[in-house]
C-alpha cells in the first residue's frame, strides 16, 4: 500500500495532487510545527491572471509562527481570495463546473490556517473523486521527528511503500525503511504548464482549464514518469 505525506496545503499545486491520486493513503501532516518562509508553499498558492501575470495568494497568519500546524491562527481578509480566483478563471472553459465547490471554501469564516487548507483539500477531492483515504497525523499518536517521523507514520497506517519528493528523500533513514521492507519511491513527475508558461500552478488552474476529467488524466500519470503536459 502506497502512502504519501505532506503538510497542510492551500489549494495545493498539481504535483501534490499527483502524489495524492497515486496513493492509497494520504497523511495530512498537521502534528508538526507550522512553518512560513519564501520557499515554502503550504500556506500559499499561485494562480494566473487572464493576461498571464502570476498571482500568489497567501493565508494571513495570526499569532505565533511557533504553533503547531493544527493551531496556527488565521487573520481576517483571506476570504477576499475568492474575488482574485474568480477574476482569473471565470472565463475559463470549466469554471462553471468547479465554481460552486470553490465558493464553498469561502462561505464561512475560519479560525485556523489548517481549517482553510483542509477545506480546499476536501473540495478538490470531491471534484476529482479521489480514491485514497485521508488521515490526519495528529490522530495517529506518532511523536518522532524528521525522517523517523515519516517512517513511523507509514507504519502506523500499514503502508508498504512511501512516495516522497526529492527534498524529503534526502533525510529519510533508508536503512530502517529497508529493514522493515517499506519501499521508498521518489516523485519524478513533470507538472503541467499553463497557457502563459506558468509551471506547476494551483490545482484550480488545471481544473478551470481542462475540467475534472482532464485533470484526472493529467494527475494520474505515474509519479515517476517524465512526460509533461502543455495546457496552452
C-alpha atoms as a PDB file:
ATOM      1  CA  UNK A   1       0.000   0.000   0.000  1.00  0.00           C
ATOM      2  CA  UNK A   2       1.489   3.308  -1.122  1.00  0.00           C
ATOM      3  CA  UNK A   3       1.436   6.224   1.326  1.00  0.00           C
ATOM      4  CA  UNK A   4       2.131   9.922   0.714  1.00  0.00           C
ATOM      5  CA  UNK A   5       2.632  12.500   3.473  1.00  0.00           C
ATOM      6  CA  UNK A   6       2.548  16.301   3.254  1.00  0.00           C
ATOM      7  CA  UNK A   7       1.867  19.258   5.497  1.00  0.00           C
ATOM      8  CA  UNK A   8      -1.477  21.063   5.109  1.00  0.00           C
ATOM      9  CA  UNK A   9      -1.505  22.948   1.818  1.00  0.00           C
ATOM     10  CA  UNK A  10      -3.657  25.797   0.475  1.00  0.00           C
ATOM     11  CA  UNK A  11      -5.140  24.948  -2.951  1.00  0.00           C
ATOM     12  CA  UNK A  12      -2.247  22.554  -3.465  1.00  0.00           C
ATOM     13  CA  UNK A  13      -0.285  22.739  -6.686  1.00  0.00           C
ATOM     14  CA  UNK A  14      -0.507  19.976  -9.251  1.00  0.00           C
ATOM     15  CA  UNK A  15       2.475  17.899  -8.067  1.00  0.00           C
ATOM     16  CA  UNK A  16       0.777  17.454  -4.700  1.00  0.00           C
ATOM     17  CA  UNK A  17      -2.369  16.108  -6.349  1.00  0.00           C
ATOM     18  CA  UNK A  18      -0.274  13.740  -8.444  1.00  0.00           C
ATOM     19  CA  UNK A  19       1.012  12.249  -5.192  1.00  0.00           C
ATOM     20  CA  UNK A  20      -2.461  12.109  -3.692  1.00  0.00           C
ATOM     21  CA  UNK A  21      -4.028  10.360  -6.670  1.00  0.00           C
ATOM     22  CA  UNK A  22      -1.079   7.962  -6.842  1.00  0.00           C
ATOM     23  CA  UNK A  23      -1.507   6.811  -3.219  1.00  0.00           C
ATOM     24  CA  UNK A  24      -3.893   4.645  -1.279  1.00  0.00           C
ATOM     25  CA  UNK A  25      -3.402   6.693   1.904  1.00  0.00           C
ATOM     26  CA  UNK A  26      -2.567  10.383   2.147  1.00  0.00           C
ATOM     27  CA  UNK A  27      -1.426  11.617   5.559  1.00  0.00           C
ATOM     28  CA  UNK A  28      -2.180  15.251   6.362  1.00  0.00           C
ATOM     29  CA  UNK A  29       0.843  16.257   8.452  1.00  0.00           C
ATOM     30  CA  UNK A  30      -0.863  18.603  10.920  1.00  0.00           C
ATOM     31  CA  UNK A  31       1.065  17.495  14.031  1.00  0.00           C
ATOM     32  CA  UNK A  32       4.334  19.305  13.195  1.00  0.00           C
ATOM     33  CA  UNK A  33       5.314  22.924  13.738  1.00  0.00           C
ATOM     34  CA  UNK A  34       3.877  25.465  11.352  1.00  0.00           C
ATOM     35  CA  UNK A  35       6.499  26.911   9.014  1.00  0.00           C
ATOM     36  CA  UNK A  36       6.405  30.096   6.983  1.00  0.00           C
ATOM     37  CA  UNK A  37       9.116  31.172   4.566  1.00  0.00           C
ATOM     38  CA  UNK A  38       9.557  32.482   0.995  1.00  0.00           C
ATOM     39  CA  UNK A  39      10.468  28.986  -0.178  1.00  0.00           C
ATOM     40  CA  UNK A  40       7.519  27.090   1.295  1.00  0.00           C
ATOM     41  CA  UNK A  41       4.113  26.787  -0.360  1.00  0.00           C
ATOM     42  CA  UNK A  42       1.989  25.188   2.347  1.00  0.00           C
ATOM     43  CA  UNK A  43       0.120  28.384   3.288  1.00  0.00           C
ATOM     44  CA  UNK A  44       0.007  29.898  -0.202  1.00  0.00           C
ATOM     45  CA  UNK A  45      -0.813  29.030  -3.788  1.00  0.00           C
ATOM     46  CA  UNK A  46      -0.158  30.502  -7.226  1.00  0.00           C
ATOM     47  CA  UNK A  47      -2.742  31.345  -9.872  1.00  0.00           C
ATOM     48  CA  UNK A  48      -2.557  33.038 -13.263  1.00  0.00           C
ATOM     49  CA  UNK A  49      -4.377  36.178 -14.398  1.00  0.00           C
ATOM     50  CA  UNK A  50      -6.008  36.358 -17.861  1.00  0.00           C
ATOM     51  CA  UNK A  51      -3.069  38.479 -19.085  1.00  0.00           C
ATOM     52  CA  UNK A  52      -0.504  35.959 -17.843  1.00  0.00           C
ATOM     53  CA  UNK A  53       0.589  37.503 -14.548  1.00  0.00           C
ATOM     54  CA  UNK A  54       1.335  35.084 -11.737  1.00  0.00           C
ATOM     55  CA  UNK A  55      -0.552  35.910  -8.537  1.00  0.00           C
ATOM     56  CA  UNK A  56       0.421  34.430  -5.192  1.00  0.00           C
ATOM     57  CA  UNK A  57      -2.364  34.070  -2.620  1.00  0.00           C
ATOM     58  CA  UNK A  58      -1.180  33.624   0.963  1.00  0.00           C
ATOM     59  CA  UNK A  59      -3.266  32.932   4.037  1.00  0.00           C
ATOM     60  CA  UNK A  60      -2.594  35.655   6.641  1.00  0.00           C
ATOM     61  CA  UNK A  61      -1.101  34.305   9.853  1.00  0.00           C
ATOM     62  CA  UNK A  62      -2.432  35.420  13.237  1.00  0.00           C
ATOM     63  CA  UNK A  63      -0.279  34.829  16.293  1.00  0.00           C
ATOM     64  CA  UNK A  64       2.928  32.866  16.704  1.00  0.00           C
ATOM     65  CA  UNK A  65       4.839  31.138  13.936  1.00  0.00           C
ATOM     66  CA  UNK A  66       5.830  28.530  16.520  1.00  0.00           C
ATOM     67  CA  UNK A  67       2.377  26.993  16.756  1.00  0.00           C
ATOM     68  CA  UNK A  68       1.597  23.511  15.567  1.00  0.00           C
ATOM     69  CA  UNK A  69       0.069  23.367  12.112  1.00  0.00           C
ATOM     70  CA  UNK A  70      -3.295  22.441  13.610  1.00  0.00           C
ATOM     71  CA  UNK A  71      -3.205  25.575  15.793  1.00  0.00           C
ATOM     72  CA  UNK A  72      -1.752  28.295  13.526  1.00  0.00           C
ATOM     73  CA  UNK A  73      -4.218  31.197  13.657  1.00  0.00           C
ATOM     74  CA  UNK A  74      -5.789  32.932  10.679  1.00  0.00           C
ATOM     75  CA  UNK A  75      -6.241  36.681  10.256  1.00  0.00           C
ATOM     76  CA  UNK A  76      -9.171  38.324   8.510  1.00  0.00           C
ATOM     77  CA  UNK A  77      -9.028  39.106   4.808  1.00  0.00           C
ATOM     78  CA  UNK A  78      -8.417  35.618   3.460  1.00  0.00           C
ATOM     79  CA  UNK A  79     -11.940  35.337   2.061  1.00  0.00           C
ATOM     80  CA  UNK A  80     -11.071  38.094  -0.435  1.00  0.00           C
ATOM     81  CA  UNK A  81      -9.023  35.465  -2.259  1.00  0.00           C
ATOM     82  CA  UNK A  82     -12.256  34.265  -3.847  1.00  0.00           C
ATOM     83  CA  UNK A  83     -12.503  37.555  -5.766  1.00  0.00           C
ATOM     84  CA  UNK A  84      -8.985  37.102  -7.142  1.00  0.00           C
ATOM     85  CA  UNK A  85      -9.660  33.496  -8.120  1.00  0.00           C
ATOM     86  CA  UNK A  86     -12.941  34.391  -9.839  1.00  0.00           C
ATOM     87  CA  UNK A  87     -11.343  37.235 -11.801  1.00  0.00           C
ATOM     88  CA  UNK A  88      -8.624  34.907 -13.027  1.00  0.00           C
ATOM     89  CA  UNK A  89     -10.785  31.952 -14.026  1.00  0.00           C
ATOM     90  CA  UNK A  90     -14.410  32.966 -14.522  1.00  0.00           C
ATOM     91  CA  UNK A  91     -13.945  32.849 -18.317  1.00  0.00           C
ATOM     92  CA  UNK A  92     -12.030  29.606 -18.433  1.00  0.00           C
ATOM     93  CA  UNK A  93     -13.791  26.638 -20.122  1.00  0.00           C
ATOM     94  CA  UNK A  94     -14.617  24.637 -16.987  1.00  0.00           C
ATOM     95  CA  UNK A  95     -15.094  27.355 -14.381  1.00  0.00           C
ATOM     96  CA  UNK A  96     -18.823  26.676 -14.067  1.00  0.00           C
ATOM     97  CA  UNK A  97     -18.067  23.021 -13.303  1.00  0.00           C
ATOM     98  CA  UNK A  98     -15.992  23.916 -10.248  1.00  0.00           C
ATOM     99  CA  UNK A  99     -17.185  27.378  -9.149  1.00  0.00           C
ATOM    100  CA  UNK A 100     -19.728  26.091  -6.623  1.00  0.00           C
ATOM    101  CA  UNK A 101     -17.121  23.940  -4.886  1.00  0.00           C
ATOM    102  CA  UNK A 102     -14.591  26.794  -4.859  1.00  0.00           C
ATOM    103  CA  UNK A 103     -17.207  29.203  -3.489  1.00  0.00           C
ATOM    104  CA  UNK A 104     -17.951  26.767  -0.675  1.00  0.00           C
ATOM    105  CA  UNK A 105     -14.425  27.135   0.713  1.00  0.00           C
ATOM    106  CA  UNK A 106     -15.105  30.829   1.345  1.00  0.00           C
ATOM    107  CA  UNK A 107     -18.733  30.613   2.507  1.00  0.00           C
ATOM    108  CA  UNK A 108     -17.891  30.904   6.203  1.00  0.00           C
ATOM    109  CA  UNK A 109     -15.065  32.241   8.331  1.00  0.00           C
ATOM    110  CA  UNK A 110     -12.342  30.121   9.891  1.00  0.00           C
ATOM    111  CA  UNK A 111     -10.063  30.338  12.905  1.00  0.00           C
ATOM    112  CA  UNK A 112      -7.001  28.447  11.671  1.00  0.00           C
ATOM    113  CA  UNK A 113      -4.927  28.178   8.511  1.00  0.00           C
ATOM    114  CA  UNK A 114      -5.228  24.409   8.736  1.00  0.00           C
ATOM    115  CA  UNK A 115      -9.016  24.519   8.577  1.00  0.00           C
ATOM    116  CA  UNK A 116      -8.988  26.502   5.322  1.00  0.00           C
ATOM    117  CA  UNK A 117      -6.344  24.231   3.803  1.00  0.00           C
ATOM    118  CA  UNK A 118      -8.480  21.237   4.774  1.00  0.00           C
ATOM    119  CA  UNK A 119     -11.491  22.803   3.056  1.00  0.00           C
ATOM    120  CA  UNK A 120      -9.504  23.139  -0.174  1.00  0.00           C
ATOM    121  CA  UNK A 121      -8.316  19.536   0.114  1.00  0.00           C
ATOM    122  CA  UNK A 122     -11.800  18.096   0.574  1.00  0.00           C
ATOM    123  CA  UNK A 123     -13.257  20.376  -2.103  1.00  0.00           C
ATOM    124  CA  UNK A 124     -10.790  19.215  -4.749  1.00  0.00           C
ATOM    125  CA  UNK A 125     -11.003  15.594  -3.595  1.00  0.00           C
ATOM    126  CA  UNK A 126     -14.753  15.702  -4.203  1.00  0.00           C
ATOM    127  CA  UNK A 127     -14.331  17.166  -7.696  1.00  0.00           C
ATOM    128  CA  UNK A 128     -11.647  14.649  -8.659  1.00  0.00           C
ATOM    129  CA  UNK A 129     -13.383  11.773  -6.897  1.00  0.00           C
ATOM    130  CA  UNK A 130     -10.055  10.980  -5.214  1.00  0.00           C
ATOM    131  CA  UNK A 131      -9.982   7.292  -4.247  1.00  0.00           C
ATOM    132  CA  UNK A 132      -7.404   7.498  -1.451  1.00  0.00           C
ATOM    133  CA  UNK A 133      -8.032   7.632   2.281  1.00  0.00           C
ATOM    134  CA  UNK A 134      -7.135  10.886   4.064  1.00  0.00           C
ATOM    135  CA  UNK A 135      -5.669  10.615   7.576  1.00  0.00           C
ATOM    136  CA  UNK A 136      -4.566  13.403   9.923  1.00  0.00           C
ATOM    137  CA  UNK A 137      -1.196  12.688  11.515  1.00  0.00           C
ATOM    138  CA  UNK A 138      -2.483  14.223  14.758  1.00  0.00           C
ATOM    139  CA  UNK A 139      -4.858  11.250  15.056  1.00  0.00           C
ATOM    140  CA  UNK A 140      -2.066   8.659  14.923  1.00  0.00           C
ATOM    141  CA  UNK A 141      -0.189   9.427  18.148  1.00  0.00           C
ATOM    142  CA  UNK A 142       3.250   9.377  16.477  1.00  0.00           C
ATOM    143  CA  UNK A 143       5.803  11.658  18.173  1.00  0.00           C
ATOM    144  CA  UNK A 144       9.106  11.018  16.360  1.00  0.00           C
ATOM    145  CA  UNK A 145      10.745  13.667  14.144  1.00  0.00           C
ATOM    146  CA  UNK A 146      12.104  14.204  10.619  1.00  0.00           C
ATOM    147  CA  UNK A 147      12.817  11.036   8.632  1.00  0.00           C
ATOM    148  CA  UNK A 148      11.877   8.757  11.513  1.00  0.00           C
ATOM    149  CA  UNK A 149       8.514  10.506  11.674  1.00  0.00           C
ATOM    150  CA  UNK A 150       7.780   9.654   8.038  1.00  0.00           C
ATOM    151  CA  UNK A 151       8.649   6.012   8.589  1.00  0.00           C
ATOM    152  CA  UNK A 152       6.616   5.742  11.772  1.00  0.00           C
ATOM    153  CA  UNK A 153       3.584   7.358  10.121  1.00  0.00           C
ATOM    154  CA  UNK A 154       3.777   4.968   7.162  1.00  0.00           C
ATOM    155  CA  UNK A 155       3.959   2.078   9.619  1.00  0.00           C
ATOM    156  CA  UNK A 156       1.043   3.441  11.628  1.00  0.00           C
ATOM    157  CA  UNK A 157      -1.298   3.155   8.639  1.00  0.00           C
ATOM    158  CA  UNK A 158       0.076  -0.181   7.427  1.00  0.00           C
ATOM    159  CA  UNK A 159       1.912   1.185   4.408  1.00  0.00           C
ATOM    160  CA  UNK A 160       4.376  -0.846   2.368  1.00  0.00           C
ATOM    161  CA  UNK A 161       5.694   2.000   0.196  1.00  0.00           C
ATOM    162  CA  UNK A 162       6.331   5.714   0.808  1.00  0.00           C
ATOM    163  CA  UNK A 163       6.001   8.208  -2.054  1.00  0.00           C
ATOM    164  CA  UNK A 164       8.044  11.338  -1.367  1.00  0.00           C
ATOM    165  CA  UNK A 165       9.569  14.301  -3.150  1.00  0.00           C
ATOM    166  CA  UNK A 166      13.300  14.559  -3.789  1.00  0.00           C
ATOM    167  CA  UNK A 167      13.965  17.075  -0.959  1.00  0.00           C
ATOM    168  CA  UNK A 168      12.206  14.877   1.589  1.00  0.00           C
ATOM    169  CA  UNK A 169      14.004  11.755   0.420  1.00  0.00           C
ATOM    170  CA  UNK A 170      17.364  13.224   1.393  1.00  0.00           C
ATOM    171  CA  UNK A 171      16.848  12.807   5.131  1.00  0.00           C
ATOM    172  CA  UNK A 172      14.986   9.502   5.270  1.00  0.00           C
ATOM    173  CA  UNK A 173      16.516   6.678   7.363  1.00  0.00           C
ATOM    174  CA  UNK A 174      16.814   4.334   4.400  1.00  0.00           C
ATOM    175  CA  UNK A 175      18.306   1.512   6.444  1.00  0.00           C
ATOM    176  CA  UNK A 176      15.286   1.458   8.749  1.00  0.00           C
ATOM    177  CA  UNK A 177      12.912   1.548   5.769  1.00  0.00           C
ATOM    178  CA  UNK A 178      14.757  -1.397   4.200  1.00  0.00           C
ATOM    179  CA  UNK A 179      14.812  -3.367   7.437  1.00  0.00           C
ATOM    180  CA  UNK A 180      11.047  -3.035   7.708  1.00  0.00           C
ATOM    181  CA  UNK A 181      10.574  -3.880   3.996  1.00  0.00           C
ATOM    182  CA  UNK A 182       8.993  -0.492   3.277  1.00  0.00           C
ATOM    183  CA  UNK A 183       9.891   0.845  -0.150  1.00  0.00           C
ATOM    184  CA  UNK A 184      10.814   4.456  -0.928  1.00  0.00           C
ATOM    185  CA  UNK A 185       9.590   5.999  -4.193  1.00  0.00           C
ATOM    186  CA  UNK A 186      10.834   9.460  -5.170  1.00  0.00           C
ATOM    187  CA  UNK A 187       8.418  11.519  -7.242  1.00  0.00           C
ATOM    188  CA  UNK A 188       9.865  12.387 -10.660  1.00  0.00           C
ATOM    189  CA  UNK A 189       6.830  13.890 -12.331  1.00  0.00           C
ATOM    190  CA  UNK A 190       6.770  16.856 -14.669  1.00  0.00           C
ATOM    191  CA  UNK A 191       3.996  19.262 -13.711  1.00  0.00           C
ATOM    192  CA  UNK A 192       1.803  20.828 -16.405  1.00  0.00           C
ATOM    193  CA  UNK A 193       2.478  24.245 -17.928  1.00  0.00           C
ATOM    194  CA  UNK A 194      -0.269  26.890 -18.214  1.00  0.00           C
ATOM    195  CA  UNK A 195      -1.174  28.744 -21.388  1.00  0.00           C
ATOM    196  CA  UNK A 196       1.143  31.604 -20.358  1.00  0.00           C
ATOM    197  CA  UNK A 197       4.014  29.373 -19.282  1.00  0.00           C
ATOM    198  CA  UNK A 198       3.488  29.038 -15.528  1.00  0.00           C
ATOM    199  CA  UNK A 199       4.842  25.660 -14.398  1.00  0.00           C
ATOM    200  CA  UNK A 200       3.081  23.709 -11.651  1.00  0.00           C
ATOM    201  CA  UNK A 201       0.161  26.045 -10.950  1.00  0.00           C
ATOM    202  CA  UNK A 202      -2.545  25.719  -8.356  1.00  0.00           C
ATOM    203  CA  UNK A 203      -4.938  22.832  -8.865  1.00  0.00           C
ATOM    204  CA  UNK A 204      -7.599  25.482  -9.512  1.00  0.00           C
ATOM    205  CA  UNK A 205      -5.858  26.474 -12.749  1.00  0.00           C
ATOM    206  CA  UNK A 206      -5.796  22.916 -14.015  1.00  0.00           C
ATOM    207  CA  UNK A 207      -9.438  22.273 -13.129  1.00  0.00           C
ATOM    208  CA  UNK A 208     -10.666  25.544 -14.652  1.00  0.00           C
ATOM    209  CA  UNK A 209      -8.843  24.911 -17.924  1.00  0.00           C
ATOM    210  CA  UNK A 210      -9.277  21.180 -18.567  1.00  0.00           C
ATOM    211  CA  UNK A 211     -12.077  20.175 -16.187  1.00  0.00           C
ATOM    212  CA  UNK A 212     -12.243  17.323 -13.660  1.00  0.00           C
ATOM    213  CA  UNK A 213     -11.898  14.536 -16.227  1.00  0.00           C
ATOM    214  CA  UNK A 214      -8.969  16.201 -17.982  1.00  0.00           C
ATOM    215  CA  UNK A 215      -7.328  16.966 -14.632  1.00  0.00           C
ATOM    216  CA  UNK A 216      -7.622  13.343 -13.517  1.00  0.00           C
ATOM    217  CA  UNK A 217      -5.927  12.261 -16.738  1.00  0.00           C
ATOM    218  CA  UNK A 218      -3.004  14.646 -16.184  1.00  0.00           C
ATOM    219  CA  UNK A 219      -2.652  13.965 -12.462  1.00  0.00           C
ATOM    220  CA  UNK A 220      -2.986  10.196 -12.680  1.00  0.00           C
ATOM    221  CA  UNK A 221       0.183   9.724 -14.724  1.00  0.00           C
ATOM    222  CA  UNK A 222       2.788   7.656 -12.932  1.00  0.00           C
ATOM    223  CA  UNK A 223       4.540   9.788 -10.283  1.00  0.00           C
ATOM    224  CA  UNK A 224       7.856   8.548 -11.632  1.00  0.00           C
ATOM    225  CA  UNK A 225       7.176   9.393 -15.295  1.00  0.00           C
ATOM    226  CA  UNK A 226       8.904  12.257 -17.065  1.00  0.00           C
ATOM    227  CA  UNK A 227       6.274  13.461 -19.546  1.00  0.00           C
ATOM    228  CA  UNK A 228       4.928  16.996 -19.348  1.00  0.00           C
ATOM    229  CA  UNK A 229       1.549  18.430 -20.300  1.00  0.00           C
ATOM    230  CA  UNK A 230       1.325  21.761 -22.097  1.00  0.00           C
ATOM    231  CA  UNK A 231      -2.021  23.390 -21.296  1.00  0.00           C
ATOM    232  CA  UNK A 232      -1.534  26.372 -23.572  1.00  0.00           C
END
